[in-house]
Amino acid sequence: MMQLAEPDAAAVHAVPQPDRHWCLFLDVDGTLLELADHPHAVAVEPHLMPLIGRLRAAAQGAVAFVSGRTITDLDRLFGTSDLPVAGLHGCERRDARGQMHVAPVALEQLAEVREGLERLVRRHPGLLLEDKGAGLALHFLKAPQLEHELRAEVALLAAPLVPRFTVLGGHAVLEVKPAAHTKDSAVTAYLQEDPFRGRMPIFIGDDTTDYDGFAAVRRENGMAIAVGSRVTSEFWLPGPAAVHHWLEQLVEHP
């Protein structure tokens, strides 16, 4: 495994290891994987899935991805379909037994919002619309100067769906999604099930959308670890490489 730069190594050593049996909740983009210009352009480093496998063995299976991506996309990305995974910020969840839990969303409810976002994309070539089925994500990484305008327009488009739906802001993205399901609700559900039940929860995330996950583990006296510059927490790692190194240490503390 590659060597960390000295500041990164210091940050890794500054995050303590848990003092009791743990379970692990991992955001994906910006946490496990370096961000890319397009959701499909991210790369999974060769050592990552063997590391996840060792973590699962150490925690008796109590490791889950909690992401804004769909479960289908995560399975494609990581080449596996047996991991506990929460997708769409908690709107869909696969538990440790492989059972699926999906928010009951009538897709036609999003039809007018979808049409409005498609008009925005046609008007501004730098935008990308990602249709996730139960949610819609408008990416503006290539048009950051439009952020203020887009926030206003997306809020206006989504207003008729409030309070059933909400607009969730992230790193260069605005998502319209069901309001009742969050990363908090997903983590809370996992913690009521085996093999997560009774373990100290750890959530690692890099974006404001991960604050919900942080809140869930803090209620259980767990660890919330922020990654990068967009979020803050009592514990911090500078980026995905540092996350991988800290997880390597965690394998030794089941």
C-alpha atoms as a PDB file:
ATOM      1  CA  MET A   1       0.000   0.000   0.000  1.00  0.00           C
ATOM      2  CA  MET A   2       1.242   3.501  -0.847  1.00  0.00           C
ATOM      3  CA  GLN A   3       2.958   5.652   1.743  1.00  0.00           C
ATOM      4  CA  LEU A   4       1.036   8.567   3.216  1.00  0.00           C
ATOM      5  CA  ALA A   5       2.458  12.070   3.283  1.00  0.00           C
ATOM      6  CA  GLU A   6       3.526  13.118   6.770  1.00  0.00           C
ATOM      7  CA  PRO A   7       0.505  15.387   7.534  1.00  0.00           C
ATOM      8  CA  ASP A   8      -1.849  12.592   6.433  1.00  0.00           C
ATOM      9  CA  ALA A   9      -0.001  10.054   8.574  1.00  0.00           C
ATOM     10  CA  ALA A  10      -0.309  12.367  11.565  1.00  0.00           C
ATOM     11  CA  ALA A  11      -4.047  12.740  10.957  1.00  0.00           C
ATOM     12  CA  VAL A  12      -4.506   8.963  10.775  1.00  0.00           C
ATOM     13  CA  HIS A  13      -2.696   8.454  14.073  1.00  0.00           C
ATOM     14  CA  ALA A  14      -4.769  11.237  15.689  1.00  0.00           C
ATOM     15  CA  VAL A  15      -8.034   9.328  15.171  1.00  0.00           C
ATOM     16  CA  PRO A  16      -8.288   6.780  17.999  1.00  0.00           C
ATOM     17  CA  GLN A  17      -9.177   3.154  17.561  1.00  0.00           C
ATOM     18  CA  PRO A  18     -12.431   2.002  19.203  1.00  0.00           C
ATOM     19  CA  ASP A  19     -12.195   0.446  22.642  1.00  0.00           C
ATOM     20  CA  ARG A  20     -14.950  -2.144  22.112  1.00  0.00           C
ATOM     21  CA  HIS A  21     -16.525  -4.245  19.363  1.00  0.00           C
ATOM     22  CA  TRP A  22     -17.468  -1.959  16.498  1.00  0.00           C
ATOM     23  CA  CYS A  23     -19.646  -1.804  13.414  1.00  0.00           C
ATOM     24  CA  LEU A  24     -18.872   0.372  10.421  1.00  0.00           C
ATOM     25  CA  PHE A  25     -20.899   2.626   8.113  1.00  0.00           C
ATOM     26  CA  LEU A  26     -19.083   4.033   5.089  1.00  0.00           C
ATOM     27  CA  ASP A  27     -20.024   6.762   2.659  1.00  0.00           C
ATOM     28  CA  VAL A  28     -18.557   6.081  -0.790  1.00  0.00           C
ATOM     29  CA  ASP A  29     -17.792   9.089  -3.024  1.00  0.00           C
ATOM     30  CA  GLY A  30     -15.193  11.358  -1.437  1.00  0.00           C
ATOM     31  CA  THR A  31     -14.780   8.936   1.495  1.00  0.00           C
ATOM     32  CA  LEU A  32     -13.756   5.560   0.077  1.00  0.00           C
ATOM     33  CA  LEU A  33     -13.283   6.818  -3.483  1.00  0.00           C
ATOM     34  CA  GLU A  34     -11.730   9.995  -4.836  1.00  0.00           C
ATOM     35  CA  LEU A  35     -14.301  12.294  -6.417  1.00  0.00           C
ATOM     36  CA  ALA A  36     -14.518  12.520 -10.213  1.00  0.00           C
ATOM     37  CA  ASP A  37     -16.164  14.843 -12.730  1.00  0.00           C
ATOM     38  CA  HIS A  38     -18.878  12.241 -13.415  1.00  0.00           C
ATOM     39  CA  PRO A  39     -20.387   9.626 -11.068  1.00  0.00           C
ATOM     40  CA  HIS A  40     -19.366   6.853 -13.484  1.00  0.00           C
ATOM     41  CA  ALA A  41     -15.769   8.095 -13.727  1.00  0.00           C
ATOM     42  CA  VAL A  42     -14.710   7.133 -10.199  1.00  0.00           C
ATOM     43  CA  ALA A  43     -12.108   4.394  -9.717  1.00  0.00           C
ATOM     44  CA  VAL A  44     -12.079   1.595  -7.138  1.00  0.00           C
ATOM     45  CA  GLU A  45      -8.475   0.956  -6.121  1.00  0.00           C
ATOM     46  CA  PRO A  46      -7.433  -2.729  -6.299  1.00  0.00           C
ATOM     47  CA  HIS A  47      -6.725  -3.023  -2.576  1.00  0.00           C
ATOM     48  CA  LEU A  48     -10.095  -1.626  -1.472  1.00  0.00           C
ATOM     49  CA  MET A  49     -12.413  -4.642  -1.759  1.00  0.00           C
ATOM     50  CA  PRO A  50      -9.937  -7.022  -0.079  1.00  0.00           C
ATOM     51  CA  LEU A  51      -9.751  -4.452   2.734  1.00  0.00           C
ATOM     52  CA  ILE A  52     -13.556  -4.349   2.975  1.00  0.00           C
ATOM     53  CA  GLY A  53     -13.544  -8.142   3.125  1.00  0.00           C
ATOM     54  CA  ARG A  54     -11.105  -8.134   6.034  1.00  0.00           C
ATOM     55  CA  LEU A  55     -13.185  -5.502   7.833  1.00  0.00           C
ATOM     56  CA  ARG A  56     -16.316  -7.608   7.418  1.00  0.00           C
ATOM     57  CA  ALA A  57     -14.525 -10.643   8.790  1.00  0.00           C
ATOM     58  CA  ALA A  58     -13.224  -8.653  11.768  1.00  0.00           C
ATOM     59  CA  ALA A  59     -16.703  -7.265  12.541  1.00  0.00           C
ATOM     60  CA  GLN A  60     -18.600 -10.504  11.850  1.00  0.00           C
ATOM     61  CA  GLY A  61     -20.282  -8.879   8.853  1.00  0.00           C
ATOM     62  CA  ALA A  62     -21.206  -5.571  10.517  1.00  0.00           C
ATOM     63  CA  VAL A  63     -20.004  -3.275   7.697  1.00  0.00           C
ATOM     64  CA  ALA A  64     -22.343  -1.302   5.419  1.00  0.00           C
ATOM     65  CA  PHE A  65     -22.080   1.262   2.647  1.00  0.00           C
ATOM     66  CA  VAL A  66     -24.397   4.262   3.149  1.00  0.00           C
ATOM     67  CA  SER A  67     -24.444   6.317  -0.035  1.00  0.00           C
ATOM     68  CA  GLY A  68     -26.376   8.677  -2.239  1.00  0.00           C
ATOM     69  CA  ARG A  69     -25.892   6.238  -5.120  1.00  0.00           C
ATOM     70  CA  THR A  70     -28.478   3.587  -5.889  1.00  0.00           C
ATOM     71  CA  ILE A  71     -27.853   0.048  -4.667  1.00  0.00           C
ATOM     72  CA  THR A  72     -27.753  -1.127  -8.285  1.00  0.00           C
ATOM     73  CA  ASP A  73     -25.013   1.404  -9.030  1.00  0.00           C
ATOM     74  CA  LEU A  74     -23.037   0.437  -5.921  1.00  0.00           C
ATOM     75  CA  ASP A  75     -23.222  -3.274  -6.796  1.00  0.00           C
ATOM     76  CA  ARG A  76     -21.963  -2.480 -10.297  1.00  0.00           C
ATOM     77  CA  LEU A  77     -19.204  -0.269  -8.969  1.00  0.00           C
ATOM     78  CA  PHE A  78     -17.848  -2.724  -6.402  1.00  0.00           C
ATOM     79  CA  GLY A  79     -18.669  -5.946  -8.227  1.00  0.00           C
ATOM     80  CA  THR A  80     -20.625  -7.457  -5.354  1.00  0.00           C
ATOM     81  CA  SER A  81     -24.241  -7.881  -4.330  1.00  0.00           C
ATOM     82  CA  ASP A  82     -23.895  -9.380  -0.855  1.00  0.00           C
ATOM     83  CA  LEU A  83     -22.894  -6.300   1.156  1.00  0.00           C
ATOM     84  CA  PRO A  84     -25.346  -4.520   3.437  1.00  0.00           C
ATOM     85  CA  VAL A  85     -25.964  -1.296   1.524  1.00  0.00           C
ATOM     86  CA  ALA A  86     -28.165   1.767   1.985  1.00  0.00           C
ATOM     87  CA  GLY A  87     -28.661   3.707  -1.241  1.00  0.00           C
ATOM     88  CA  LEU A  88     -30.323   6.967  -2.209  1.00  0.00           C
ATOM     89  CA  HIS A  89     -29.493   8.476   1.193  1.00  0.00           C
ATOM     90  CA  GLY A  90     -31.491   5.772   2.937  1.00  0.00           C
ATOM     91  CA  CYS A  91     -34.447   5.512   0.546  1.00  0.00           C
ATOM     92  CA  GLU A  92     -33.441   1.939  -0.259  1.00  0.00           C
ATOM     93  CA  ARG A  93     -31.624  -0.503   2.002  1.00  0.00           C
ATOM     94  CA  ARG A  94     -30.351  -4.059   1.777  1.00  0.00           C
ATOM     95  CA  ASP A  95     -29.925  -5.611   5.197  1.00  0.00           C
ATOM     96  CA  ALA A  96     -27.353  -8.218   6.251  1.00  0.00           C
ATOM     97  CA  ARG A  97     -29.759 -11.040   5.304  1.00  0.00           C
ATOM     98  CA  GLY A  98     -30.098  -9.662   1.775  1.00  0.00           C
ATOM     99  CA  GLN A  99     -33.652  -8.414   2.299  1.00  0.00           C
ATOM    100  CA  MET A 100     -34.523  -5.158   0.498  1.00  0.00           C
ATOM    101  CA  HIS A 101     -36.347  -2.243   2.149  1.00  0.00           C
ATOM    102  CA  VAL A 102     -37.471   0.417  -0.343  1.00  0.00           C
ATOM    103  CA  ALA A 103     -39.308   3.703   0.193  1.00  0.00           C
ATOM    104  CA  PRO A 104     -42.802   3.528  -1.362  1.00  0.00           C
ATOM    105  CA  VAL A 105     -42.430   6.287  -3.934  1.00  0.00           C
ATOM    106  CA  ALA A 106     -44.798   6.770  -6.864  1.00  0.00           C
ATOM    107  CA  LEU A 107     -42.375   7.750  -9.610  1.00  0.00           C
ATOM    108  CA  GLU A 108     -45.001   9.839 -11.393  1.00  0.00           C
ATOM    109  CA  GLN A 109     -44.813  12.235  -8.423  1.00  0.00           C
ATOM    110  CA  LEU A 110     -41.424  13.349  -9.733  1.00  0.00           C
ATOM    111  CA  ALA A 111     -42.514  13.760 -13.358  1.00  0.00           C
ATOM    112  CA  GLU A 112     -42.905  17.555 -13.328  1.00  0.00           C
ATOM    113  CA  VAL A 113     -39.669  18.045 -11.358  1.00  0.00           C
ATOM    114  CA  ARG A 114     -37.859  15.774 -13.831  1.00  0.00           C
ATOM    115  CA  GLU A 115     -39.168  17.806 -16.769  1.00  0.00           C
ATOM    116  CA  GLY A 116     -38.094  21.046 -15.110  1.00  0.00           C
ATOM    117  CA  LEU A 117     -34.594  19.730 -14.398  1.00  0.00           C
ATOM    118  CA  GLU A 118     -34.290  18.481 -17.979  1.00  0.00           C
ATOM    119  CA  ARG A 119     -35.079  22.008 -19.168  1.00  0.00           C
ATOM    120  CA  LEU A 120     -32.308  23.347 -16.927  1.00  0.00           C
ATOM    121  CA  VAL A 121     -29.825  20.854 -18.379  1.00  0.00           C
ATOM    122  CA  ARG A 122     -30.748  21.840 -21.934  1.00  0.00           C
ATOM    123  CA  ARG A 123     -30.291  25.491 -21.025  1.00  0.00           C
ATOM    124  CA  HIS A 124     -26.913  24.985 -19.320  1.00  0.00           C
ATOM    125  CA  PRO A 125     -24.646  22.384 -21.024  1.00  0.00           C
ATOM    126  CA  GLY A 126     -22.403  22.104 -17.931  1.00  0.00           C
ATOM    127  CA  LEU A 127     -25.181  20.433 -15.912  1.00  0.00           C
ATOM    128  CA  LEU A 128     -25.833  16.705 -15.536  1.00  0.00           C
ATOM    129  CA  LEU A 129     -29.152  15.163 -14.482  1.00  0.00           C
ATOM    130  CA  GLU A 130     -28.956  11.765 -12.781  1.00  0.00           C
ATOM    131  CA  ASP A 131     -32.298   9.963 -12.557  1.00  0.00           C
ATOM    132  CA  LYS A 132     -32.169   7.607  -9.558  1.00  0.00           C
ATOM    133  CA  GLY A 133     -35.779   6.473  -9.786  1.00  0.00           C
ATOM    134  CA  ALA A 134     -36.962   7.506  -6.319  1.00  0.00           C
ATOM    135  CA  GLY A 135     -34.869  10.668  -6.528  1.00  0.00           C
ATOM    136  CA  LEU A 136     -33.311  13.095  -8.974  1.00  0.00           C
ATOM    137  CA  ALA A 137     -29.793  14.544  -8.731  1.00  0.00           C
ATOM    138  CA  LEU A 138     -28.675  17.679 -10.559  1.00  0.00           C
ATOM    139  CA  HIS A 139     -24.868  17.824 -10.742  1.00  0.00           C
ATOM    140  CA  PHE A 140     -23.218  21.203 -11.367  1.00  0.00           C
ATOM    141  CA  LEU A 141     -19.524  20.464 -10.809  1.00  0.00           C
ATOM    142  CA  LYS A 142     -18.731  21.863 -14.270  1.00  0.00           C
ATOM    143  CA  ALA A 143     -20.880  24.958 -13.709  1.00  0.00           C
ATOM    144  CA  PRO A 144     -20.207  26.061 -10.117  1.00  0.00           C
ATOM    145  CA  GLN A 145     -21.074  29.669 -10.953  1.00  0.00           C
ATOM    146  CA  LEU A 146     -24.716  28.590 -11.309  1.00  0.00           C
ATOM    147  CA  GLU A 147     -25.074  27.260  -7.760  1.00  0.00           C
ATOM    148  CA  HIS A 148     -27.117  30.150  -6.340  1.00  0.00           C
ATOM    149  CA  GLU A 149     -29.464  30.211  -9.351  1.00  0.00           C
ATOM    150  CA  LEU A 150     -29.875  26.440  -9.341  1.00  0.00           C
ATOM    151  CA  ARG A 151     -30.686  26.257  -5.639  1.00  0.00           C
ATOM    152  CA  ALA A 152     -33.521  28.723  -6.168  1.00  0.00           C
ATOM    153  CA  GLU A 153     -34.862  26.987  -9.282  1.00  0.00           C
ATOM    154  CA  VAL A 154     -34.710  23.467  -7.834  1.00  0.00           C
ATOM    155  CA  ALA A 155     -36.429  24.623  -4.634  1.00  0.00           C
ATOM    156  CA  LEU A 156     -39.201  26.178  -6.740  1.00  0.00           C
ATOM    157  CA  LEU A 157     -39.626  23.009  -8.809  1.00  0.00           C
ATOM    158  CA  ALA A 158     -39.767  20.805  -5.722  1.00  0.00           C
ATOM    159  CA  ALA A 159     -42.050  23.068  -3.675  1.00  0.00           C
ATOM    160  CA  PRO A 160     -45.303  21.272  -4.702  1.00  0.00           C
ATOM    161  CA  LEU A 161     -43.871  17.992  -3.343  1.00  0.00           C
ATOM    162  CA  VAL A 162     -42.998  19.333   0.121  1.00  0.00           C
ATOM    163  CA  PRO A 163     -43.172  17.844   2.772  1.00  0.00           C
ATOM    164  CA  ARG A 164     -43.144  14.376   1.163  1.00  0.00           C
ATOM    165  CA  PHE A 165     -39.942  15.251  -0.684  1.00  0.00           C
ATOM    166  CA  THR A 166     -37.008  17.464   0.195  1.00  0.00           C
ATOM    167  CA  VAL A 167     -34.087  19.096  -1.604  1.00  0.00           C
ATOM    168  CA  LEU A 168     -30.764  17.782  -0.325  1.00  0.00           C
ATOM    169  CA  GLY A 169     -27.585  19.705  -1.104  1.00  0.00           C
ATOM    170  CA  GLY A 170     -24.193  18.021  -1.451  1.00  0.00           C
ATOM    171  CA  HIS A 171     -20.856  18.573  -3.155  1.00  0.00           C
ATOM    172  CA  ALA A 172     -21.828  20.284  -6.448  1.00  0.00           C
ATOM    173  CA  VAL A 173     -25.157  18.451  -6.467  1.00  0.00           C
ATOM    174  CA  LEU A 174     -28.788  19.114  -5.561  1.00  0.00           C
ATOM    175  CA  GLU A 175     -31.073  16.125  -5.012  1.00  0.00           C
ATOM    176  CA  VAL A 176     -34.844  15.887  -4.796  1.00  0.00           C
ATOM    177  CA  LYS A 177     -35.630  12.830  -2.655  1.00  0.00           C
ATOM    178  CA  PRO A 178     -38.237  11.431  -0.251  1.00  0.00           C
ATOM    179  CA  ALA A 179     -37.982  13.299   3.046  1.00  0.00           C
ATOM    180  CA  ALA A 180     -38.797  10.441   5.413  1.00  0.00           C
ATOM    181  CA  HIS A 181     -35.702   8.393   4.578  1.00  0.00           C
ATOM    182  CA  THR A 182     -32.188   9.601   5.441  1.00  0.00           C
ATOM    183  CA  LYS A 183     -28.770   8.235   6.267  1.00  0.00           C
ATOM    184  CA  ASP A 184     -29.856   8.605   9.892  1.00  0.00           C
ATOM    185  CA  SER A 185     -32.885   6.359   9.385  1.00  0.00           C
ATOM    186  CA  ALA A 186     -30.777   3.809   7.495  1.00  0.00           C
ATOM    187  CA  VAL A 187     -28.071   3.589  10.175  1.00  0.00           C
ATOM    188  CA  THR A 188     -30.709   3.458  12.927  1.00  0.00           C
ATOM    189  CA  ALA A 189     -32.415   0.533  11.185  1.00  0.00           C
ATOM    190  CA  TYR A 190     -29.128  -1.359  10.848  1.00  0.00           C
ATOM    191  CA  LEU A 191     -28.343  -0.847  14.539  1.00  0.00           C
ATOM    192  CA  GLN A 192     -31.571  -2.640  15.458  1.00  0.00           C
ATOM    193  CA  GLU A 193     -30.513  -5.720  13.480  1.00  0.00           C
ATOM    194  CA  ASP A 194     -27.817  -8.353  13.710  1.00  0.00           C
ATOM    195  CA  PRO A 195     -24.862  -8.287  13.211  1.00  0.00           C
ATOM    196  CA  PHE A 196     -24.805  -4.523  13.936  1.00  0.00           C
ATOM    197  CA  ARG A 197     -26.853  -4.682  17.133  1.00  0.00           C
ATOM    198  CA  GLY A 198     -24.883  -4.054  20.343  1.00  0.00           C
ATOM    199  CA  ARG A 199     -21.705  -2.852  18.618  1.00  0.00           C
ATOM    200  CA  MET A 200     -20.187   0.627  18.773  1.00  0.00           C
ATOM    201  CA  PRO A 201     -21.096   2.339  15.490  1.00  0.00           C
ATOM    202  CA  ILE A 202     -18.589   4.263  13.389  1.00  0.00           C
ATOM    203  CA  PHE A 203     -19.718   6.476  10.494  1.00  0.00           C
ATOM    204  CA  ILE A 204     -17.189   7.932   8.049  1.00  0.00           C
ATOM    205  CA  GLY A 205     -18.325  10.585   5.541  1.00  0.00           C
ATOM    206  CA  ASP A 206     -17.126  13.602   3.598  1.00  0.00           C
ATOM    207  CA  ASP A 207     -20.216  15.662   2.727  1.00  0.00           C
ATOM    208  CA  THR A 208     -23.005  17.584   4.428  1.00  0.00           C
ATOM    209  CA  THR A 209     -25.354  14.727   3.490  1.00  0.00           C
ATOM    210  CA  ASP A 210     -23.377  12.598   5.981  1.00  0.00           C
ATOM    211  CA  TYR A 211     -24.295  14.713   9.007  1.00  0.00           C
ATOM    212  CA  ASP A 212     -27.428  12.565   9.345  1.00  0.00           C
ATOM    213  CA  GLY A 213     -25.222   9.491   9.662  1.00  0.00           C
ATOM    214  CA  PHE A 214     -23.030  11.288  12.193  1.00  0.00           C
ATOM    215  CA  ALA A 215     -26.122  12.060  14.292  1.00  0.00           C
ATOM    216  CA  ALA A 216     -27.228   8.420  14.274  1.00  0.00           C
ATOM    217  CA  VAL A 217     -23.937   7.040  15.607  1.00  0.00           C
ATOM    218  CA  ARG A 218     -23.499   9.811  18.173  1.00  0.00           C
ATOM    219  CA  ARG A 219     -26.829   8.866  19.764  1.00  0.00           C
ATOM    220  CA  GLU A 220     -25.286   5.446  20.396  1.00  0.00           C
ATOM    221  CA  ASN A 221     -21.995   6.852  21.753  1.00  0.00           C
ATOM    222  CA  GLY A 222     -20.256   5.968  18.509  1.00  0.00           C
ATOM    223  CA  MET A 223     -17.630   7.714  16.392  1.00  0.00           C
ATOM    224  CA  ALA A 224     -18.346  10.238  13.624  1.00  0.00           C
ATOM    225  CA  ILE A 225     -15.301  10.707  11.383  1.00  0.00           C
ATOM    226  CA  ALA A 226     -15.305  13.619   8.937  1.00  0.00           C
ATOM    227  CA  VAL A 227     -13.285  13.404   5.723  1.00  0.00           C
ATOM    228  CA  GLY A 228     -11.875  16.371   3.818  1.00  0.00           C
ATOM    229  CA  SER A 229     -12.842  20.021   4.050  1.00  0.00           C
ATOM    230  CA  ARG A 230     -16.635  20.063   3.615  1.00  0.00           C
ATOM    231  CA  VAL A 231     -17.643  18.612   6.989  1.00  0.00           C
ATOM    232  CA  THR A 232     -16.483  18.822  10.581  1.00  0.00           C
ATOM    233  CA  SER A 233     -16.567  16.374  13.458  1.00  0.00           C
ATOM    234  CA  GLU A 234     -14.710  15.456  16.603  1.00  0.00           C
ATOM    235  CA  PHE A 235     -12.542  13.162  14.446  1.00  0.00           C
ATOM    236  CA  TRP A 236     -11.118  14.000  11.000  1.00  0.00           C
ATOM    237  CA  LEU A 237      -9.201  12.431   8.121  1.00  0.00           C
ATOM    238  CA  PRO A 238      -7.926  14.427   5.130  1.00  0.00           C
ATOM    239  CA  GLY A 239      -9.083  12.177   2.287  1.00  0.00           C
ATOM    240  CA  PRO A 240      -9.778   8.656   0.967  1.00  0.00           C
ATOM    241  CA  ALA A 241      -6.129   7.533   1.177  1.00  0.00           C
ATOM    242  CA  ALA A 242      -6.074   8.392   4.879  1.00  0.00           C
ATOM    243  CA  VAL A 243      -9.432   6.632   5.335  1.00  0.00           C
ATOM    244  CA  HIS A 244      -7.979   3.461   3.814  1.00  0.00           C
ATOM    245  CA  HIS A 245      -4.975   3.605   6.150  1.00  0.00           C
ATOM    246  CA  TRP A 246      -7.159   4.141   9.216  1.00  0.00           C
ATOM    247  CA  LEU A 247      -9.356   1.212   8.170  1.00  0.00           C
ATOM    248  CA  GLU A 248      -6.232  -0.967   7.854  1.00  0.00           C
ATOM    249  CA  GLN A 249      -5.564  -0.194  11.520  1.00  0.00           C
ATOM    250  CA  LEU A 250      -9.198  -0.857  12.427  1.00  0.00           C
ATOM    251  CA  VAL A 251      -8.940  -4.413  11.063  1.00  0.00           C
ATOM    252  CA  GLU A 252      -6.602  -5.118  13.969  1.00  0.00           C
ATOM    253  CA  HIS A 253      -9.216  -3.994  16.529  1.00  0.00           C
ATOM    254  CA  PRO A 254     -12.276  -6.224  16.028  1.00  0.00           C
END
